Amino acid sequence: MRRSHAAISPSRASKCECGAMRLSHRACPSCGKYNGRVILDIVAQAEREQRRTRRKDKALRESGQVTESKEPAQT
């Protein structure tokens, strides 16, 4: 019942054109390119995330669940 074939192999990373490390056969998370072409629109994703967080913060403020305290916690 030996399971030497079931060992976890390390993930292989390759260097993208932008210089970031990425998994092989996957689009680069920093620039969105794969095989020299832009596959993921990183700018649009960032804008979408900002809109989502602003909308969520606004909803929390309106419901009264979040206080507007921006002071750092003292330890």
C-alpha atoms as a PDB file:
ATOM      1  CA  MET A   1       0.000   0.000   0.000  1.00  0.00           C
ATOM      2  CA  ARG A   2       2.860   2.385  -0.689  1.00  0.00           C
ATOM      3  CA  ARG A   3       1.790   5.694  -2.161  1.00  0.00           C
ATOM      4  CA  SER A   4       4.990   7.253  -3.375  1.00  0.00           C
ATOM      5  CA  HIS A   5       3.175   8.397  -6.521  1.00  0.00           C
ATOM      6  CA  ALA A   6       0.700  10.481  -4.480  1.00  0.00           C
ATOM      7  CA  ALA A   7       3.259  13.044  -3.313  1.00  0.00           C
ATOM      8  CA  ILE A   8       2.485  16.714  -3.893  1.00  0.00           C
ATOM      9  CA  SER A   9       4.665  18.173  -6.600  1.00  0.00           C
ATOM     10  CA  PRO A  10       5.749  21.828  -6.441  1.00  0.00           C
ATOM     11  CA  SER A  11       3.925  24.283  -8.679  1.00  0.00           C
ATOM     12  CA  ARG A  12       5.830  25.481 -11.700  1.00  0.00           C
ATOM     13  CA  ALA A  13       6.097  29.208 -12.178  1.00  0.00           C
ATOM     14  CA  SER A  14       7.289  31.040 -15.248  1.00  0.00           C
ATOM     15  CA  LYS A  15       8.204  34.655 -15.813  1.00  0.00           C
ATOM     16  CA  CYS A  16       5.740  36.867 -17.693  1.00  0.00           C
ATOM     17  CA  GLU A  17       6.657  39.584 -20.203  1.00  0.00           C
ATOM     18  CA  CYS A  18       5.989  42.171 -17.487  1.00  0.00           C
ATOM     19  CA  GLY A  19       8.469  40.427 -15.163  1.00  0.00           C
ATOM     20  CA  ALA A  20       5.961  38.979 -12.701  1.00  0.00           C
ATOM     21  CA  MET A  21       5.905  35.305 -11.825  1.00  0.00           C
ATOM     22  CA  ARG A  22       2.817  33.396 -12.960  1.00  0.00           C
ATOM     23  CA  LEU A  23       1.651  29.811 -13.189  1.00  0.00           C
ATOM     24  CA  SER A  24       2.270  28.211 -16.554  1.00  0.00           C
ATOM     25  CA  HIS A  25      -0.661  28.032 -18.984  1.00  0.00           C
ATOM     26  CA  ARG A  26      -2.494  30.765 -17.046  1.00  0.00           C
ATOM     27  CA  ALA A  27      -2.996  34.480 -17.643  1.00  0.00           C
ATOM     28  CA  CYS A  28      -0.718  36.793 -15.670  1.00  0.00           C
ATOM     29  CA  PRO A  29      -2.559  38.266 -12.659  1.00  0.00           C
ATOM     30  CA  SER A  30      -0.591  41.534 -12.803  1.00  0.00           C
ATOM     31  CA  CYS A  31      -0.830  42.449 -16.502  1.00  0.00           C
ATOM     32  CA  GLY A  32      -3.543  40.089 -17.809  1.00  0.00           C
ATOM     33  CA  LYS A  33      -1.521  38.730 -20.739  1.00  0.00           C
ATOM     34  CA  TYR A  34      -1.320  35.155 -21.966  1.00  0.00           C
ATOM     35  CA  ASN A  35       0.751  34.098 -24.952  1.00  0.00           C
ATOM     36  CA  GLY A  36       1.506  37.739 -25.823  1.00  0.00           C
ATOM     37  CA  ARG A  37      -2.146  38.827 -25.971  1.00  0.00           C
ATOM     38  CA  VAL A  38      -4.194  40.715 -23.388  1.00  0.00           C
ATOM     39  CA  ILE A  39      -6.790  38.287 -22.067  1.00  0.00           C
ATOM     40  CA  LEU A  40      -7.845  39.918 -18.788  1.00  0.00           C
ATOM     41  CA  ASP A  41      -8.689  43.618 -18.551  1.00  0.00           C
ATOM     42  CA  ILE A  42      -6.954  44.395 -15.255  1.00  0.00           C
ATOM     43  CA  VAL A  43      -7.969  48.084 -15.236  1.00  0.00           C
ATOM     44  CA  ALA A  44     -11.656  47.246 -15.655  1.00  0.00           C
ATOM     45  CA  GLN A  45     -11.430  44.629 -12.890  1.00  0.00           C
ATOM     46  CA  ALA A  46      -9.890  47.160 -10.487  1.00  0.00           C
ATOM     47  CA  GLU A  47     -12.565  49.747 -11.282  1.00  0.00           C
ATOM     48  CA  ARG A  48     -15.309  47.152 -10.802  1.00  0.00           C
ATOM     49  CA  GLU A  49     -13.875  46.151  -7.402  1.00  0.00           C
ATOM     50  CA  GLN A  50     -13.719  49.799  -6.307  1.00  0.00           C
ATOM     51  CA  ARG A  51     -17.348  50.352  -7.316  1.00  0.00           C
ATOM     52  CA  ARG A  52     -18.389  47.233  -5.388  1.00  0.00           C
ATOM     53  CA  THR A  53     -16.575  48.262  -2.216  1.00  0.00           C
ATOM     54  CA  ARG A  54     -17.956  51.822  -2.383  1.00  0.00           C
ATOM     55  CA  ARG A  55     -21.484  50.472  -2.871  1.00  0.00           C
ATOM     56  CA  LYS A  56     -21.043  48.027   0.024  1.00  0.00           C
ATOM     57  CA  ASP A  57     -19.641  50.733   2.328  1.00  0.00           C
ATOM     58  CA  LYS A  58     -22.496  53.064   1.437  1.00  0.00           C
ATOM     59  CA  ALA A  59     -25.075  50.366   2.182  1.00  0.00           C
ATOM     60  CA  LEU A  60     -23.436  49.601   5.541  1.00  0.00           C
ATOM     61  CA  ARG A  61     -23.356  53.296   6.481  1.00  0.00           C
ATOM     62  CA  GLU A  62     -27.023  53.736   5.557  1.00  0.00           C
ATOM     63  CA  SER A  63     -28.052  50.707   7.593  1.00  0.00           C
ATOM     64  CA  GLY A  64     -26.127  52.017  10.620  1.00  0.00           C
ATOM     65  CA  GLN A  65     -23.922  48.959  11.023  1.00  0.00           C
ATOM     66  CA  VAL A  66     -20.628  50.799  10.513  1.00  0.00           C
ATOM     67  CA  THR A  67     -19.340  53.664  12.615  1.00  0.00           C
ATOM     68  CA  GLU A  68     -17.228  56.353  10.955  1.00  0.00           C
ATOM     69  CA  SER A  69     -14.301  55.986  13.358  1.00  0.00           C
ATOM     70  CA  LYS A  70     -10.990  56.251  11.486  1.00  0.00           C
ATOM     71  CA  GLU A  71      -8.783  56.595  14.548  1.00  0.00           C
ATOM     72  CA  PRO A  72      -6.144  53.885  15.007  1.00  0.00           C
ATOM     73  CA  ALA A  73      -6.693  51.487  17.868  1.00  0.00           C
ATOM     74  CA  GLN A  74      -4.476  52.151  20.861  1.00  0.00           C
ATOM     75  CA  THR A  75      -2.784  49.198  22.500  1.00  0.00           C
END
